């Protein structure tokens, strides 16, 4: 199997390990799966399967079919991002994630995780869109797609995995560094040099994640964005709490749900 097929299998395995436990053992969940959350899960699963098929087609010379499947994959990716955005907004308005994983240590709360979910949906869209635009540059195309899946798309499953099993917060940093090291090793082994896309994306996404965690997420301006989202869904809103920075107490009075 190719390097990229192994990455696809790793992404599918991580997603199953992250989301599966709260579905199989539902006693610790904070809510049942909603229609939008279920739809998003199905679409993201479909995207991962499409990505797996695409890596296998590319590795085995099925380029014509690879291009045809890619057209369908683009629509699946767009729908997955759209439903992911709606699902994240719904989570912010509730004040918690349905599985309860994002509210367990070392995670702070689902609201603190929202910055990563929104940003990763945006970054995923940019990377996939750029990869499609550069599909005639296979060396760039495949790296953009791979980082879109294994780095940005896997951030949500990783957060659930860490919360559900109580893994150390260092897991997030180790994942980002591990992905970079694996790509660097692959480049050196196959093309005898580090590809610029590997270096730019590998380091850039690590820096961006730290900015989100340290600067953007705890900022008052980002908190006001979340407040506006909750205000716009006032009838469905639970009290909002931030643990990654001020404010740390409820902004809105409790409302009937």
C-alpha atoms as a PDB file:
ATOM      1  CA  UNK A   1       0.000   0.000   0.000  1.00  0.00           C
ATOM      2  CA  UNK A   2       1.085   3.551  -0.652  1.00  0.00           C
ATOM      3  CA  UNK A   3       2.036   6.073   2.017  1.00  0.00           C
ATOM      4  CA  UNK A   4      -1.172   8.010   1.399  1.00  0.00           C
ATOM      5  CA  UNK A   5      -3.331   4.909   1.665  1.00  0.00           C
ATOM      6  CA  UNK A   6      -1.806   4.245   5.086  1.00  0.00           C
ATOM      7  CA  UNK A   7      -2.665   7.830   6.067  1.00  0.00           C
ATOM      8  CA  UNK A   8      -6.267   7.303   4.959  1.00  0.00           C
ATOM      9  CA  UNK A   9      -6.514   4.107   7.012  1.00  0.00           C
ATOM     10  CA  UNK A  10      -5.006   5.903  10.016  1.00  0.00           C
ATOM     11  CA  UNK A  11      -7.618   8.653   9.700  1.00  0.00           C
ATOM     12  CA  UNK A  12     -10.483   6.145   9.529  1.00  0.00           C
ATOM     13  CA  UNK A  13      -9.092   4.217  12.512  1.00  0.00           C
ATOM     14  CA  UNK A  14      -8.690   7.374  14.606  1.00  0.00           C
ATOM     15  CA  UNK A  15     -12.223   8.530  13.784  1.00  0.00           C
ATOM     16  CA  UNK A  16     -13.717   5.169  14.760  1.00  0.00           C
ATOM     17  CA  UNK A  17     -11.709   5.075  18.003  1.00  0.00           C
ATOM     18  CA  UNK A  18     -12.717   8.644  18.863  1.00  0.00           C
ATOM     19  CA  UNK A  19     -16.447   8.647  18.118  1.00  0.00           C
ATOM     20  CA  UNK A  20     -17.268   4.975  18.541  1.00  0.00           C
ATOM     21  CA  UNK A  21     -17.047   4.622  22.353  1.00  0.00           C
ATOM     22  CA  UNK A  22     -19.647   7.294  23.160  1.00  0.00           C
ATOM     23  CA  UNK A  23     -22.045   5.726  20.648  1.00  0.00           C
ATOM     24  CA  UNK A  24     -21.569   2.160  21.861  1.00  0.00           C
ATOM     25  CA  UNK A  25     -21.670   3.076  25.571  1.00  0.00           C
ATOM     26  CA  UNK A  26     -24.154   5.942  25.568  1.00  0.00           C
ATOM     27  CA  UNK A  27     -24.638   6.287  29.335  1.00  0.00           C
ATOM     28  CA  UNK A  28     -22.152   9.170  29.595  1.00  0.00           C
ATOM     29  CA  UNK A  29     -23.493  11.101  26.628  1.00  0.00           C
ATOM     30  CA  UNK A  30     -25.113  14.473  27.221  1.00  0.00           C
ATOM     31  CA  UNK A  31     -27.585  14.083  24.390  1.00  0.00           C
ATOM     32  CA  UNK A  32     -28.659  11.784  21.577  1.00  0.00           C
ATOM     33  CA  UNK A  33     -27.359  12.254  18.046  1.00  0.00           C
ATOM     34  CA  UNK A  34     -29.282  15.007  16.257  1.00  0.00           C
ATOM     35  CA  UNK A  35     -30.228  14.946  12.584  1.00  0.00           C
ATOM     36  CA  UNK A  36     -27.553  17.508  11.649  1.00  0.00           C
ATOM     37  CA  UNK A  37     -24.855  15.757  13.707  1.00  0.00           C
ATOM     38  CA  UNK A  38     -25.777  12.398  12.191  1.00  0.00           C
ATOM     39  CA  UNK A  39     -25.793  13.812   8.675  1.00  0.00           C
ATOM     40  CA  UNK A  40     -22.391  15.417   9.238  1.00  0.00           C
ATOM     41  CA  UNK A  41     -21.003  12.131  10.574  1.00  0.00           C
ATOM     42  CA  UNK A  42     -22.251  10.213   7.537  1.00  0.00           C
ATOM     43  CA  UNK A  43     -20.809  12.785   5.119  1.00  0.00           C
ATOM     44  CA  UNK A  44     -17.429  12.917   6.857  1.00  0.00           C
ATOM     45  CA  UNK A  45     -17.292   9.120   6.898  1.00  0.00           C
ATOM     46  CA  UNK A  46     -18.125   9.095   3.205  1.00  0.00           C
ATOM     47  CA  UNK A  47     -15.367  11.611   2.547  1.00  0.00           C
ATOM     48  CA  UNK A  48     -12.787   9.465   4.362  1.00  0.00           C
ATOM     49  CA  UNK A  49     -13.860   6.424   2.354  1.00  0.00           C
ATOM     50  CA  UNK A  50     -13.642   8.436  -0.883  1.00  0.00           C
ATOM     51  CA  UNK A  51     -10.167   9.627   0.132  1.00  0.00           C
ATOM     52  CA  UNK A  52      -9.097   6.038   0.828  1.00  0.00           C
ATOM     53  CA  UNK A  53     -10.366   4.926  -2.591  1.00  0.00           C
ATOM     54  CA  UNK A  54      -8.642   7.864  -4.258  1.00  0.00           C
ATOM     55  CA  UNK A  55      -5.265   7.027  -2.736  1.00  0.00           C
ATOM     56  CA  UNK A  56      -5.593   3.437  -3.919  1.00  0.00           C
ATOM     57  CA  UNK A  57      -6.622   4.474  -7.432  1.00  0.00           C
ATOM     58  CA  UNK A  58      -3.730   6.929  -7.710  1.00  0.00           C
ATOM     59  CA  UNK A  59      -1.234   4.348  -6.444  1.00  0.00           C
ATOM     60  CA  UNK A  60      -2.406   1.718  -8.926  1.00  0.00           C
ATOM     61  CA  UNK A  61      -2.592   3.843 -12.049  1.00  0.00           C
ATOM     62  CA  UNK A  62      -6.359   4.354 -12.134  1.00  0.00           C
ATOM     63  CA  UNK A  63      -6.015   8.042 -12.872  1.00  0.00           C
ATOM     64  CA  UNK A  64      -9.072   8.320 -15.160  1.00  0.00           C
ATOM     65  CA  UNK A  65     -11.376   6.858 -12.514  1.00  0.00           C
ATOM     66  CA  UNK A  66      -9.519   8.863  -9.862  1.00  0.00           C
ATOM     67  CA  UNK A  67     -10.534  12.073 -11.626  1.00  0.00           C
ATOM     68  CA  UNK A  68     -14.174  11.003 -11.939  1.00  0.00           C
ATOM     69  CA  UNK A  69     -14.412   9.999  -8.298  1.00  0.00           C
ATOM     70  CA  UNK A  70     -12.744  13.296  -7.413  1.00  0.00           C
ATOM     71  CA  UNK A  71     -15.702  15.239  -8.839  1.00  0.00           C
ATOM     72  CA  UNK A  72     -18.113  13.392  -6.565  1.00  0.00           C
ATOM     73  CA  UNK A  73     -15.676  13.753  -3.684  1.00  0.00           C
ATOM     74  CA  UNK A  74     -15.673  17.531  -4.064  1.00  0.00           C
ATOM     75  CA  UNK A  75     -19.438  17.645  -3.523  1.00  0.00           C
ATOM     76  CA  UNK A  76     -19.169  15.300  -0.523  1.00  0.00           C
ATOM     77  CA  UNK A  77     -16.460  17.509   0.999  1.00  0.00           C
ATOM     78  CA  UNK A  78     -18.530  20.666   0.476  1.00  0.00           C
ATOM     79  CA  UNK A  79     -21.586  19.087   2.099  1.00  0.00           C
ATOM     80  CA  UNK A  80     -19.490  17.772   5.004  1.00  0.00           C
ATOM     81  CA  UNK A  81     -18.078  21.246   5.667  1.00  0.00           C
ATOM     82  CA  UNK A  82     -21.517  22.879   5.476  1.00  0.00           C
ATOM     83  CA  UNK A  83     -23.085  20.410   7.908  1.00  0.00           C
ATOM     84  CA  UNK A  84     -20.013  20.648  10.146  1.00  0.00           C
ATOM     85  CA  UNK A  85     -20.442  24.399  10.391  1.00  0.00           C
ATOM     86  CA  UNK A  86     -24.138  24.068  11.244  1.00  0.00           C
ATOM     87  CA  UNK A  87     -23.388  21.340  13.801  1.00  0.00           C
ATOM     88  CA  UNK A  88     -20.708  23.491  15.467  1.00  0.00           C
ATOM     89  CA  UNK A  89     -23.046  26.475  15.675  1.00  0.00           C
ATOM     90  CA  UNK A  90     -25.646  24.196  17.276  1.00  0.00           C
ATOM     91  CA  UNK A  91     -23.034  23.024  19.794  1.00  0.00           C
ATOM     92  CA  UNK A  92     -22.174  26.610  20.720  1.00  0.00           C
ATOM     93  CA  UNK A  93     -25.842  27.434  21.220  1.00  0.00           C
ATOM     94  CA  UNK A  94     -26.322  24.382  23.459  1.00  0.00           C
ATOM     95  CA  UNK A  95     -23.166  25.122  25.402  1.00  0.00           C
ATOM     96  CA  UNK A  96     -21.931  21.513  25.270  1.00  0.00           C
ATOM     97  CA  UNK A  97     -21.173  18.718  22.827  1.00  0.00           C
ATOM     98  CA  UNK A  98     -23.565  15.790  22.646  1.00  0.00           C
ATOM     99  CA  UNK A  99     -20.965  13.136  23.460  1.00  0.00           C
ATOM    100  CA  UNK A 100     -19.684  14.999  26.515  1.00  0.00           C
ATOM    101  CA  UNK A 101     -16.093  14.258  25.480  1.00  0.00           C
ATOM    102  CA  UNK A 102     -15.095  17.883  24.927  1.00  0.00           C
ATOM    103  CA  UNK A 103     -16.100  18.830  28.471  1.00  0.00           C
ATOM    104  CA  UNK A 104     -13.909  16.198  30.155  1.00  0.00           C
ATOM    105  CA  UNK A 105     -10.328  16.876  31.341  1.00  0.00           C
ATOM    106  CA  UNK A 106      -7.893  17.695  29.934  1.00  0.00           C
ATOM    107  CA  UNK A 107     -10.355  19.437  27.594  1.00  0.00           C
ATOM    108  CA  UNK A 108     -11.964  22.521  29.115  1.00  0.00           C
ATOM    109  CA  UNK A 109     -15.328  22.769  27.390  1.00  0.00           C
ATOM    110  CA  UNK A 110     -16.998  22.386  24.038  1.00  0.00           C
ATOM    111  CA  UNK A 111     -17.091  26.170  23.750  1.00  0.00           C
ATOM    112  CA  UNK A 112     -13.324  26.377  24.092  1.00  0.00           C
ATOM    113  CA  UNK A 113     -13.053  23.735  21.356  1.00  0.00           C
ATOM    114  CA  UNK A 114     -15.262  25.757  18.981  1.00  0.00           C
ATOM    115  CA  UNK A 115     -12.359  27.896  17.747  1.00  0.00           C
ATOM    116  CA  UNK A 116     -10.587  24.772  16.502  1.00  0.00           C
ATOM    117  CA  UNK A 117     -13.696  23.301  14.906  1.00  0.00           C
ATOM    118  CA  UNK A 118     -14.570  26.470  12.991  1.00  0.00           C
ATOM    119  CA  UNK A 119     -10.994  27.132  11.892  1.00  0.00           C
ATOM    120  CA  UNK A 120     -10.300  23.547  10.837  1.00  0.00           C
ATOM    121  CA  UNK A 121     -13.425  23.468   8.693  1.00  0.00           C
ATOM    122  CA  UNK A 122     -12.175  26.626   6.981  1.00  0.00           C
ATOM    123  CA  UNK A 123      -8.615  25.324   6.580  1.00  0.00           C
ATOM    124  CA  UNK A 124      -9.872  21.982   5.281  1.00  0.00           C
ATOM    125  CA  UNK A 125     -11.943  23.813   2.657  1.00  0.00           C
ATOM    126  CA  UNK A 126      -8.959  25.924   1.579  1.00  0.00           C
ATOM    127  CA  UNK A 127      -6.601  22.957   1.350  1.00  0.00           C
ATOM    128  CA  UNK A 128      -9.046  20.766  -0.587  1.00  0.00           C
ATOM    129  CA  UNK A 129     -10.018  23.626  -2.893  1.00  0.00           C
ATOM    130  CA  UNK A 130      -6.366  24.437  -3.577  1.00  0.00           C
ATOM    131  CA  UNK A 131      -5.609  20.745  -4.139  1.00  0.00           C
ATOM    132  CA  UNK A 132      -8.399  20.518  -6.722  1.00  0.00           C
ATOM    133  CA  UNK A 133      -7.130  23.652  -8.458  1.00  0.00           C
ATOM    134  CA  UNK A 134      -3.620  22.146  -8.577  1.00  0.00           C
ATOM    135  CA  UNK A 135      -4.697  18.646  -9.573  1.00  0.00           C
ATOM    136  CA  UNK A 136      -2.299  18.761 -12.522  1.00  0.00           C
ATOM    137  CA  UNK A 137       0.563  19.095 -10.027  1.00  0.00           C
ATOM    138  CA  UNK A 138       0.371  15.671  -8.359  1.00  0.00           C
ATOM    139  CA  UNK A 139       3.279  16.301  -5.970  1.00  0.00           C
ATOM    140  CA  UNK A 140       1.454  19.318  -4.521  1.00  0.00           C
ATOM    141  CA  UNK A 141      -2.073  17.936  -4.947  1.00  0.00           C
ATOM    142  CA  UNK A 142      -1.515  14.779  -2.904  1.00  0.00           C
ATOM    143  CA  UNK A 143       0.245  16.608  -0.080  1.00  0.00           C
ATOM    144  CA  UNK A 144      -2.488  19.220   0.207  1.00  0.00           C
ATOM    145  CA  UNK A 145      -5.139  16.497   0.341  1.00  0.00           C
ATOM    146  CA  UNK A 146      -3.168  14.484   2.885  1.00  0.00           C
ATOM    147  CA  UNK A 147      -2.661  17.419   5.253  1.00  0.00           C
ATOM    148  CA  UNK A 148      -6.328  18.371   4.861  1.00  0.00           C
ATOM    149  CA  UNK A 149      -7.297  14.912   6.109  1.00  0.00           C
ATOM    150  CA  UNK A 150      -4.665  13.845   8.617  1.00  0.00           C
ATOM    151  CA  UNK A 151      -3.996  17.251  10.201  1.00  0.00           C
ATOM    152  CA  UNK A 152      -7.069  19.500   9.997  1.00  0.00           C
ATOM    153  CA  UNK A 153      -9.847  16.921   9.678  1.00  0.00           C
ATOM    154  CA  UNK A 154      -8.447  14.735  12.464  1.00  0.00           C
ATOM    155  CA  UNK A 155      -8.390  17.574  15.012  1.00  0.00           C
ATOM    156  CA  UNK A 156     -12.019  16.912  16.015  1.00  0.00           C
ATOM    157  CA  UNK A 157     -11.625  13.133  16.473  1.00  0.00           C
ATOM    158  CA  UNK A 158      -8.410  13.747  18.411  1.00  0.00           C
ATOM    159  CA  UNK A 159     -10.214  16.109  20.789  1.00  0.00           C
ATOM    160  CA  UNK A 160     -12.917  13.506  21.426  1.00  0.00           C
ATOM    161  CA  UNK A 161     -10.333  10.751  21.907  1.00  0.00           C
ATOM    162  CA  UNK A 162      -8.351  12.818  24.427  1.00  0.00           C
ATOM    163  CA  UNK A 163     -11.468  13.760  26.388  1.00  0.00           C
ATOM    164  CA  UNK A 164     -13.098  10.344  26.382  1.00  0.00           C
ATOM    165  CA  UNK A 165     -10.020   8.448  27.548  1.00  0.00           C
ATOM    166  CA  UNK A 166      -8.439  11.225  29.628  1.00  0.00           C
ATOM    167  CA  UNK A 167      -5.248  11.332  27.574  1.00  0.00           C
ATOM    168  CA  UNK A 168      -2.675  14.035  28.428  1.00  0.00           C
ATOM    169  CA  UNK A 169      -3.081  17.412  26.749  1.00  0.00           C
ATOM    170  CA  UNK A 170       0.397  16.869  25.295  1.00  0.00           C
ATOM    171  CA  UNK A 171      -1.299  14.439  22.875  1.00  0.00           C
ATOM    172  CA  UNK A 172      -2.361  17.371  20.666  1.00  0.00           C
ATOM    173  CA  UNK A 173       1.210  18.659  20.307  1.00  0.00           C
ATOM    174  CA  UNK A 174       2.606  15.175  19.750  1.00  0.00           C
ATOM    175  CA  UNK A 175       0.077  14.541  16.976  1.00  0.00           C
ATOM    176  CA  UNK A 176       1.048  17.687  15.062  1.00  0.00           C
ATOM    177  CA  UNK A 177       4.768  17.032  15.463  1.00  0.00           C
ATOM    178  CA  UNK A 178       4.321  13.347  14.656  1.00  0.00           C
ATOM    179  CA  UNK A 179       2.494  14.138  11.413  1.00  0.00           C
ATOM    180  CA  UNK A 180       5.288  16.533  10.395  1.00  0.00           C
ATOM    181  CA  UNK A 181       8.023  13.996  11.188  1.00  0.00           C
ATOM    182  CA  UNK A 182       6.229  11.257   9.220  1.00  0.00           C
ATOM    183  CA  UNK A 183       5.878  13.512   6.171  1.00  0.00           C
ATOM    184  CA  UNK A 184       9.505  14.644   6.397  1.00  0.00           C
ATOM    185  CA  UNK A 185      10.667  11.040   6.573  1.00  0.00           C
ATOM    186  CA  UNK A 186       8.474  10.100   3.595  1.00  0.00           C
ATOM    187  CA  UNK A 187       9.834  12.981   1.513  1.00  0.00           C
ATOM    188  CA  UNK A 188      13.453  12.158   2.281  1.00  0.00           C
ATOM    189  CA  UNK A 189      12.902   8.472   1.560  1.00  0.00           C
ATOM    190  CA  UNK A 190      11.043   8.973  -1.735  1.00  0.00           C
ATOM    191  CA  UNK A 191      12.316  12.212  -3.315  1.00  0.00           C
ATOM    192  CA  UNK A 192      15.558  12.656  -1.311  1.00  0.00           C
ATOM    193  CA  UNK A 193      14.546  16.125  -0.146  1.00  0.00           C
ATOM    194  CA  UNK A 194      11.885  17.889   1.888  1.00  0.00           C
ATOM    195  CA  UNK A 195       9.051  19.115  -0.326  1.00  0.00           C
ATOM    196  CA  UNK A 196       8.227  22.817   0.320  1.00  0.00           C
ATOM    197  CA  UNK A 197       4.519  22.017   0.806  1.00  0.00           C
ATOM    198  CA  UNK A 198       5.406  19.564   3.565  1.00  0.00           C
ATOM    199  CA  UNK A 199       7.486  22.141   5.412  1.00  0.00           C
ATOM    200  CA  UNK A 200       5.074  25.044   4.948  1.00  0.00           C
ATOM    201  CA  UNK A 201       1.939  23.140   5.932  1.00  0.00           C
ATOM    202  CA  UNK A 202       3.578  21.030   8.632  1.00  0.00           C
ATOM    203  CA  UNK A 203       5.023  24.009  10.486  1.00  0.00           C
ATOM    204  CA  UNK A 204       2.278  26.461   9.528  1.00  0.00           C
ATOM    205  CA  UNK A 205      -0.560  24.341  10.910  1.00  0.00           C
ATOM    206  CA  UNK A 206       1.321  23.805  14.195  1.00  0.00           C
ATOM    207  CA  UNK A 207       1.880  27.550  14.577  1.00  0.00           C
ATOM    208  CA  UNK A 208      -1.745  28.308  13.707  1.00  0.00           C
ATOM    209  CA  UNK A 209      -3.057  25.770  16.235  1.00  0.00           C
ATOM    210  CA  UNK A 210      -0.984  27.406  18.958  1.00  0.00           C
ATOM    211  CA  UNK A 211      -2.243  30.863  17.990  1.00  0.00           C
ATOM    212  CA  UNK A 212      -5.817  29.583  18.227  1.00  0.00           C
ATOM    213  CA  UNK A 213      -5.186  28.029  21.639  1.00  0.00           C
ATOM    214  CA  UNK A 214      -3.150  30.817  23.206  1.00  0.00           C
ATOM    215  CA  UNK A 215      -4.194  34.040  21.472  1.00  0.00           C
ATOM    216  CA  UNK A 216      -7.479  33.796  19.548  1.00  0.00           C
ATOM    217  CA  UNK A 217      -9.497  31.331  21.637  1.00  0.00           C
ATOM    218  CA  UNK A 218      -9.112  33.110  25.013  1.00  0.00           C
ATOM    219  CA  UNK A 219      -9.603  36.604  23.526  1.00  0.00           C
ATOM    220  CA  UNK A 220     -12.563  38.786  24.425  1.00  0.00           C
ATOM    221  CA  UNK A 221     -13.276  39.356  20.743  1.00  0.00           C
ATOM    222  CA  UNK A 222     -13.702  35.619  20.083  1.00  0.00           C
ATOM    223  CA  UNK A 223     -15.906  35.315  23.172  1.00  0.00           C
ATOM    224  CA  UNK A 224     -18.118  38.047  21.747  1.00  0.00           C
ATOM    225  CA  UNK A 225     -18.445  36.025  18.530  1.00  0.00           C
ATOM    226  CA  UNK A 226     -19.649  33.036  20.557  1.00  0.00           C
ATOM    227  CA  UNK A 227     -22.008  35.265  22.551  1.00  0.00           C
ATOM    228  CA  UNK A 228     -23.544  36.562  19.311  1.00  0.00           C
ATOM    229  CA  UNK A 229     -24.064  32.996  18.107  1.00  0.00           C
ATOM    230  CA  UNK A 230     -25.803  32.112  21.346  1.00  0.00           C
ATOM    231  CA  UNK A 231     -27.907  35.251  21.256  1.00  0.00           C
ATOM    232  CA  UNK A 232     -29.030  34.454  17.710  1.00  0.00           C
ATOM    233  CA  UNK A 233     -30.229  31.047  18.947  1.00  0.00           C
ATOM    234  CA  UNK A 234     -31.603  32.276  22.254  1.00  0.00           C
ATOM    235  CA  UNK A 235     -34.541  29.881  22.404  1.00  0.00           C
ATOM    236  CA  UNK A 236     -32.176  26.892  22.336  1.00  0.00           C
ATOM    237  CA  UNK A 237     -29.362  28.368  24.396  1.00  0.00           C
ATOM    238  CA  UNK A 238     -27.833  26.988  27.575  1.00  0.00           C
ATOM    239  CA  UNK A 239     -25.635  29.161  29.831  1.00  0.00           C
ATOM    240  CA  UNK A 240     -22.273  29.842  28.237  1.00  0.00           C
ATOM    241  CA  UNK A 241     -19.047  29.166  30.131  1.00  0.00           C
ATOM    242  CA  UNK A 242     -15.469  29.732  29.065  1.00  0.00           C
ATOM    243  CA  UNK A 243     -12.588  28.017  30.817  1.00  0.00           C
ATOM    244  CA  UNK A 244      -9.745  28.961  28.518  1.00  0.00           C
ATOM    245  CA  UNK A 245      -9.983  32.679  29.387  1.00  0.00           C
ATOM    246  CA  UNK A 246     -12.353  35.350  30.632  1.00  0.00           C
ATOM    247  CA  UNK A 247     -15.270  35.336  31.128  1.00  0.00           C
ATOM    248  CA  UNK A 248     -15.410  32.179  33.232  1.00  0.00           C
ATOM    249  CA  UNK A 249     -18.959  32.431  34.502  1.00  0.00           C
ATOM    250  CA  UNK A 250     -22.338  32.364  32.844  1.00  0.00           C
ATOM    251  CA  UNK A 251     -22.975  35.288  30.521  1.00  0.00           C
ATOM    252  CA  UNK A 252     -26.643  34.562  29.927  1.00  0.00           C
ATOM    253  CA  UNK A 253     -29.264  33.586  32.493  1.00  0.00           C
ATOM    254  CA  UNK A 254     -30.437  30.008  32.392  1.00  0.00           C
ATOM    255  CA  UNK A 255     -33.258  29.433  29.919  1.00  0.00           C
ATOM    256  CA  UNK A 256     -35.670  26.592  29.556  1.00  0.00           C
ATOM    257  CA  UNK A 257     -34.583  24.084  26.936  1.00  0.00           C
END
